[in-house]
């Protein structure tokens, strides 16, 4: 087992201080302002344990959502919300006539599992829609909501092409994943990634994660999982409509819609100019039609 040299400096289980730059030990990356960080989620190794959901709620002091059974497989969280910033999706796959076959494919046989989260888009539509500046880009290239500035207008909710942001019914403010902004400032790996037992959620510098993800796809293709592809990297599905790329991107083995992800998300801001032009053209056409209809006819007195 490879061990970071600094791990020997902290061999005791009880510490009287926070380990400086702890992310170097847990994620192999030093967190520095001015660099881009994110998540690479490899769905082929997700086991649906929900450790990420629990860790997120514990660190951010978020209450439980939808206590009870949804009837949707083992997915009782249901969706991302103001109180659930991580959501593990359970997608049951079946064979002919709804029956599971005797010989299933490798990886997640009969199941597709994915821990969904805010994508922290490079060109974030929610940030563009916010009228108060409550949403902002951090020094780590992530997107965060400042509740003390949020006025609860909800414009960010329909602007997000992934349905991530939600307005709380308790405080009337918008809430979503912060990519553990407070932990990053303290040199700590985000809670969800640190708690993941299979490294399905990997945290790191974005350029390194993209290289690691491409190598993982190549490895899967080499062992026969030809359906594996990346969602959210530059030029890939999910990074469409002028979004640029997603700082939280995924490795998938089925269509994006199966994971409740849009196949071709877009920035609503790209539709403003065409919509405005169409509206102005309609107004002009109505004005011309009205002038023609109500103009005095030849031979009539004005």
Protein backbone atom coordinates (compact mmCIF):
# COMPACT_ATOMS: atom_id res chain seq x y z
CA UNK A 1 0.00 0.00 0.00
CA UNK A 2 1.37 3.39 -1.01
CA UNK A 3 1.41 5.86 1.86
CA UNK A 4 2.02 9.57 1.68
CA UNK A 5 5.23 10.42 3.56
CA UNK A 6 3.37 12.97 5.67
CA UNK A 7 1.05 10.26 6.98
CA UNK A 8 3.87 9.08 9.23
CA UNK A 9 3.76 12.49 10.94
CA UNK A 10 0.18 11.80 12.08
CA UNK A 11 0.21 8.15 13.11
CA UNK A 12 -2.00 8.65 16.18
CA UNK A 13 -5.77 8.30 16.06
CA UNK A 14 -6.32 11.25 18.39
CA UNK A 15 -5.06 14.67 17.27
CA UNK A 16 -5.03 17.93 19.19
CA UNK A 17 -5.08 20.10 16.06
CA UNK A 18 -6.23 20.14 12.44
CA UNK A 19 -3.71 18.60 10.07
CA UNK A 20 -2.39 21.33 7.73
CA UNK A 21 -3.30 20.63 4.08
CA UNK A 22 -4.96 17.38 5.06
CA UNK A 23 -6.26 16.91 1.50
CA UNK A 24 -2.72 15.93 0.50
CA UNK A 25 -3.10 12.83 2.68
CA UNK A 26 -6.71 11.94 1.84
CA UNK A 27 -7.02 12.99 -1.81
CA UNK A 28 -3.44 13.45 -2.97
CA UNK A 29 -3.93 17.11 -3.83
CA UNK A 30 -2.98 20.39 -2.17
CA UNK A 31 -5.82 22.93 -2.29
CA UNK A 32 -4.69 26.35 -3.47
CA UNK A 33 -6.70 29.44 -4.41
CA UNK A 34 -6.75 30.24 -8.12
CA UNK A 35 -6.97 26.62 -9.26
CA UNK A 36 -10.03 24.71 -10.51
CA UNK A 37 -11.30 21.83 -8.38
CA UNK A 38 -14.18 19.44 -8.78
CA UNK A 39 -15.54 15.89 -8.59
CA UNK A 40 -15.11 12.92 -10.91
CA UNK A 41 -17.87 10.40 -10.17
CA UNK A 42 -17.26 6.90 -11.54
CA UNK A 43 -20.69 5.28 -11.46
CA UNK A 44 -19.31 1.82 -12.25
CA UNK A 45 -17.90 1.48 -8.73
CA UNK A 46 -20.77 3.13 -6.82
CA UNK A 47 -22.31 0.59 -4.40
CA UNK A 48 -25.23 2.77 -3.29
CA UNK A 49 -24.12 2.90 0.35
CA UNK A 50 -25.17 6.58 0.68
CA UNK A 51 -22.13 7.41 2.80
CA UNK A 52 -21.81 10.57 0.71
CA UNK A 53 -25.38 11.62 1.53
CA UNK A 54 -24.84 11.09 5.24
CA UNK A 55 -21.45 12.83 5.29
CA UNK A 56 -22.89 15.82 3.43
CA UNK A 57 -25.80 16.17 5.82
CA UNK A 58 -23.61 15.76 8.90
CA UNK A 59 -21.01 18.32 7.83
CA UNK A 60 -23.54 20.89 6.61
CA UNK A 61 -26.06 20.22 9.41
CA UNK A 62 -28.87 19.45 6.96
CA UNK A 63 -32.12 17.88 8.17
CA UNK A 64 -33.58 14.68 6.75
CA UNK A 65 -35.83 14.83 3.71
CA UNK A 66 -38.92 12.76 2.86
CA UNK A 67 -38.77 10.42 5.83
CA UNK A 68 -40.46 7.25 4.64
CA UNK A 69 -40.49 4.93 1.62
CA UNK A 70 -40.88 6.30 -1.91
CA UNK A 71 -41.45 2.94 -3.58
CA UNK A 72 -38.70 3.78 -6.08
CA UNK A 73 -36.34 0.88 -5.48
CA UNK A 74 -33.96 1.78 -2.60
CA UNK A 75 -34.02 5.48 -3.49
CA UNK A 76 -35.83 7.15 -0.60
CA UNK A 77 -34.17 10.56 -0.99
CA UNK A 78 -35.93 11.04 -4.32
CA UNK A 79 -34.06 14.06 -5.67
CA UNK A 80 -31.71 16.89 -4.86
CA UNK A 81 -33.34 19.56 -2.72
CA UNK A 82 -32.67 22.43 -0.34
CA UNK A 83 -31.89 19.85 2.37
CA UNK A 84 -30.32 17.10 0.21
CA UNK A 85 -27.22 18.27 -1.62
CA UNK A 86 -26.21 14.71 -2.52
CA UNK A 87 -28.62 12.16 -3.98
CA UNK A 88 -27.78 8.55 -4.75
CA UNK A 89 -29.93 7.33 -7.62
CA UNK A 90 -30.87 3.63 -7.83
CA UNK A 91 -31.86 2.58 -11.35
CA UNK A 92 -33.00 -1.04 -11.63
CA UNK A 93 -32.28 -2.66 -14.99
CA UNK A 94 -34.25 -5.67 -16.17
CA UNK A 95 -34.15 -8.00 -19.13
CA UNK A 96 -36.87 -9.18 -21.47
CA UNK A 97 -40.44 -9.04 -20.11
CA UNK A 98 -39.18 -7.25 -17.02
CA UNK A 99 -37.25 -10.28 -15.80
CA UNK A 100 -33.57 -10.12 -14.82
CA UNK A 101 -31.46 -12.36 -17.03
CA UNK A 102 -29.26 -15.16 -15.79
CA UNK A 103 -26.13 -13.69 -17.35
CA UNK A 104 -25.73 -9.99 -16.70
CA UNK A 105 -23.03 -7.64 -17.93
CA UNK A 106 -20.06 -6.73 -15.80
CA UNK A 107 -20.31 -3.83 -13.36
CA UNK A 108 -23.58 -2.99 -11.60
CA UNK A 109 -25.38 -6.10 -12.83
CA UNK A 110 -29.06 -5.26 -12.78
CA UNK A 111 -28.35 -1.88 -11.20
CA UNK A 112 -27.15 1.56 -12.15
CA UNK A 113 -26.18 3.76 -9.21
CA UNK A 114 -24.99 7.34 -9.27
CA UNK A 115 -24.37 9.95 -6.60
CA UNK A 116 -25.78 13.15 -8.09
CA UNK A 117 -24.69 16.62 -7.02
CA UNK A 118 -24.45 20.22 -8.23
CA UNK A 119 -22.34 20.30 -11.40
CA UNK A 120 -20.60 23.63 -10.61
CA UNK A 121 -20.81 24.57 -14.30
CA UNK A 122 -17.98 26.53 -15.90
CA UNK A 123 -20.57 28.93 -17.35
CA UNK A 124 -23.14 28.63 -14.58
CA UNK A 125 -26.69 29.60 -15.67
CA UNK A 126 -27.85 30.00 -12.06
CA UNK A 127 -25.16 32.61 -11.45
CA UNK A 128 -26.22 34.52 -14.56
CA UNK A 129 -29.86 34.53 -13.45
CA UNK A 130 -29.23 35.77 -9.89
CA UNK A 131 -30.26 39.45 -9.56
CA UNK A 132 -28.60 40.09 -6.18
CA UNK A 133 -25.18 38.49 -6.63
CA UNK A 134 -25.96 35.86 -3.99
CA UNK A 135 -24.46 33.24 -6.31
CA UNK A 136 -20.77 33.71 -7.00
CA UNK A 137 -17.66 31.91 -8.29
CA UNK A 138 -15.18 31.11 -5.53
CA UNK A 139 -11.40 31.20 -5.72
CA UNK A 140 -11.58 27.42 -6.33
CA UNK A 141 -13.76 27.81 -9.48
CA UNK A 142 -16.86 26.49 -7.71
CA UNK A 143 -20.33 28.06 -7.42
CA UNK A 144 -21.73 28.98 -3.99
CA UNK A 145 -24.94 30.61 -2.70
CA UNK A 146 -24.70 33.32 -0.02
CA UNK A 147 -27.95 32.96 1.93
CA UNK A 148 -27.56 36.36 3.61
CA UNK A 149 -27.73 38.04 0.17
CA UNK A 150 -30.30 35.73 -1.44
CA UNK A 151 -33.75 37.34 -1.66
CA UNK A 152 -35.56 34.09 -2.44
CA UNK A 153 -36.72 35.18 -5.90
CA UNK A 154 -36.12 31.67 -7.25
CA UNK A 155 -34.83 32.79 -10.66
CA UNK A 156 -31.90 30.39 -10.28
CA UNK A 157 -34.21 27.38 -9.99
CA UNK A 158 -35.52 27.29 -13.60
CA UNK A 159 -32.17 28.61 -14.89
CA UNK A 160 -30.35 25.44 -13.78
CA UNK A 161 -30.57 22.87 -16.61
CA UNK A 162 -29.93 20.03 -14.14
CA UNK A 163 -32.66 20.82 -11.59
CA UNK A 164 -30.14 21.19 -8.77
CA UNK A 165 -31.07 24.37 -6.89
CA UNK A 166 -34.08 24.46 -4.58
CA UNK A 167 -35.63 27.22 -2.47
CA UNK A 168 -36.15 26.17 1.14
CA UNK A 169 -39.64 26.33 2.60
CA UNK A 170 -38.05 27.12 5.97
CA UNK A 171 -35.97 30.22 5.28
CA UNK A 172 -37.10 31.06 1.73
CA UNK A 173 -33.51 31.02 0.45
CA UNK A 174 -31.85 29.07 -2.36
CA UNK A 175 -29.66 26.14 -1.29
CA UNK A 176 -27.33 23.69 -3.04
CA UNK A 177 -23.96 21.95 -2.78
CA UNK A 178 -21.06 24.30 -2.04
CA UNK A 179 -18.40 21.67 -2.88
CA UNK A 180 -17.58 22.10 0.82
CA UNK A 181 -16.28 25.64 0.34
CA UNK A 182 -15.50 25.95 4.04
CA UNK A 183 -13.52 22.71 4.02
CA UNK A 184 -11.56 23.73 0.93
CA UNK A 185 -10.54 26.97 2.64
CA UNK A 186 -9.23 24.85 5.52
CA UNK A 187 -7.29 22.49 3.28
CA UNK A 188 -9.77 19.62 3.75
CA UNK A 189 -11.18 17.25 1.14
CA UNK A 190 -14.98 17.60 0.66
CA UNK A 191 -16.90 15.41 3.08
CA UNK A 192 -18.69 13.29 0.46
CA UNK A 193 -15.52 12.34 -1.42
CA UNK A 194 -13.62 11.64 1.79
CA UNK A 195 -16.35 9.27 3.00
CA UNK A 196 -16.76 7.31 -0.26
CA UNK A 197 -15.48 3.77 0.43
CA UNK A 198 -14.96 2.80 -3.24
CA UNK A 199 -13.58 6.11 -4.56
CA UNK A 200 -16.60 6.43 -6.81
CA UNK A 201 -16.46 10.13 -5.90
CA UNK A 202 -12.98 11.50 -6.49
CA UNK A 203 -11.94 15.04 -5.60
CA UNK A 204 -9.02 16.87 -7.12
CA UNK A 205 -7.76 19.49 -9.51
CA UNK A 206 -9.99 19.46 -12.57
CA UNK A 207 -7.27 18.92 -15.17
CA UNK A 208 -5.94 15.90 -13.25
CA UNK A 209 -9.43 14.45 -12.81
CA UNK A 210 -10.17 14.72 -16.53
CA UNK A 211 -6.99 12.81 -17.38
CA UNK A 212 -7.76 10.17 -14.75
CA UNK A 213 -11.32 9.81 -16.06
CA UNK A 214 -10.18 9.39 -19.68
CA UNK A 215 -7.79 6.64 -18.59
CA UNK A 216 -10.61 4.93 -16.68
CA UNK A 217 -12.84 4.95 -19.77
CA UNK A 218 -10.02 3.49 -21.85
CA UNK A 219 -9.53 0.76 -19.24
CA UNK A 220 -13.23 -0.11 -19.22
CA UNK A 221 -13.31 -0.29 -23.02
CA UNK A 222 -10.33 -2.64 -22.85
CA UNK A 223 -12.16 -5.11 -20.61
CA UNK A 224 -15.35 -5.09 -22.68
CA UNK A 225 -17.45 -2.30 -21.19
CA UNK A 226 -17.83 -0.48 -24.50
CA UNK A 227 -20.76 1.62 -23.28
CA UNK A 228 -18.59 3.63 -20.84
CA UNK A 229 -18.24 7.35 -21.62
CA UNK A 230 -17.74 10.67 -19.85
CA UNK A 231 -20.51 13.18 -19.19
CA UNK A 232 -19.55 16.81 -18.59
CA UNK A 233 -15.97 16.97 -19.88
CA UNK A 234 -15.11 19.37 -22.73
CA UNK A 235 -16.68 18.18 -25.97
CA UNK A 236 -18.62 15.37 -24.28
CA UNK A 237 -22.37 15.00 -23.62
CA UNK A 238 -23.43 17.27 -20.78
CA UNK A 239 -20.94 19.98 -21.75
CA UNK A 240 -23.22 21.35 -24.46
CA UNK A 241 -25.16 24.57 -24.97
CA UNK A 242 -22.20 26.84 -24.13
CA UNK A 243 -21.87 25.44 -20.59
CA UNK A 244 -18.17 24.90 -21.32
CA UNK A 245 -17.62 21.96 -18.98
CA UNK A 246 -18.85 20.66 -15.64
CA UNK A 247 -16.57 20.78 -12.60
CA UNK A 248 -18.53 17.80 -11.28
CA UNK A 249 -18.61 15.30 -14.12
CA UNK A 250 -19.49 11.61 -14.43
CA UNK A 251 -18.56 8.31 -16.03
CA UNK A 252 -21.75 6.64 -17.28
CA UNK A 253 -22.57 3.36 -19.00
CA UNK A 254 -26.09 4.18 -20.22
CA UNK A 255 -27.92 7.14 -21.76
CA UNK A 256 -27.88 10.32 -19.64
CA UNK A 257 -31.67 10.26 -19.35
CA UNK A 258 -31.49 6.92 -17.54
CA UNK A 259 -29.61 8.71 -14.75
CA UNK A 260 -32.06 11.65 -14.86
CA UNK A 261 -29.47 13.84 -16.58
CA UNK A 262 -30.30 15.96 -19.65
CA UNK A 263 -28.76 14.71 -22.89
CA UNK A 264 -27.95 18.21 -24.15
CA UNK A 265 -28.24 20.89 -21.42
CA UNK A 266 -28.03 24.53 -22.47
CA UNK A 267 -27.62 27.99 -20.97
CA UNK A 268 -30.98 29.81 -20.85
CA UNK A 269 -29.03 33.05 -21.47
CA UNK A 270 -28.36 31.82 -25.01
CA UNK A 271 -32.08 31.99 -25.71
CA UNK A 272 -32.59 35.57 -24.49
CA UNK A 273 -31.46 37.35 -27.66
CA UNK A 274 -33.44 35.12 -30.09
CA UNK A 275 -36.52 35.33 -27.86
CA UNK A 276 -36.25 39.12 -27.64
CA UNK A 277 -35.80 39.40 -31.40
CA UNK A 278 -38.83 37.16 -31.97
CA UNK A 279 -40.91 39.24 -29.56
CA UNK A 280 -39.93 42.53 -31.18
CA UNK A 281 -40.65 41.11 -34.63
CA UNK A 282 -44.08 39.97 -33.45
CA UNK A 283 -44.87 43.41 -32.01
CA UNK A 284 -43.75 45.07 -35.26
CA UNK A 285 -45.88 42.69 -37.32
CA UNK A 286 -48.94 43.37 -35.15
CA UNK A 287 -48.37 47.10 -35.42
CA UNK A 288 -48.21 46.92 -39.23
CA UNK A 289 -51.31 44.72 -39.36
CA UNK A 290 -53.21 47.13 -37.11
CA UNK A 291 -52.16 50.10 -39.21
CA UNK A 292 -53.35 48.34 -42.35
CA UNK A 293 -56.68 47.20 -40.87
CA UNK A 294 -57.59 50.51 -39.28
CA UNK A 295 -56.27 52.80 -41.99
CA UNK A 296 -59.00 54.76 -43.90
CA UNK A 297 -60.02 53.02 -47.11
CA UNK A 298 -59.83 54.81 -50.47
CA UNK A 299 -62.88 56.99 -50.99
CA UNK A 300 -63.74 57.16 -47.28
CA UNK A 301 -63.53 60.31 -45.29
CA UNK A 302 -60.90 60.27 -42.60
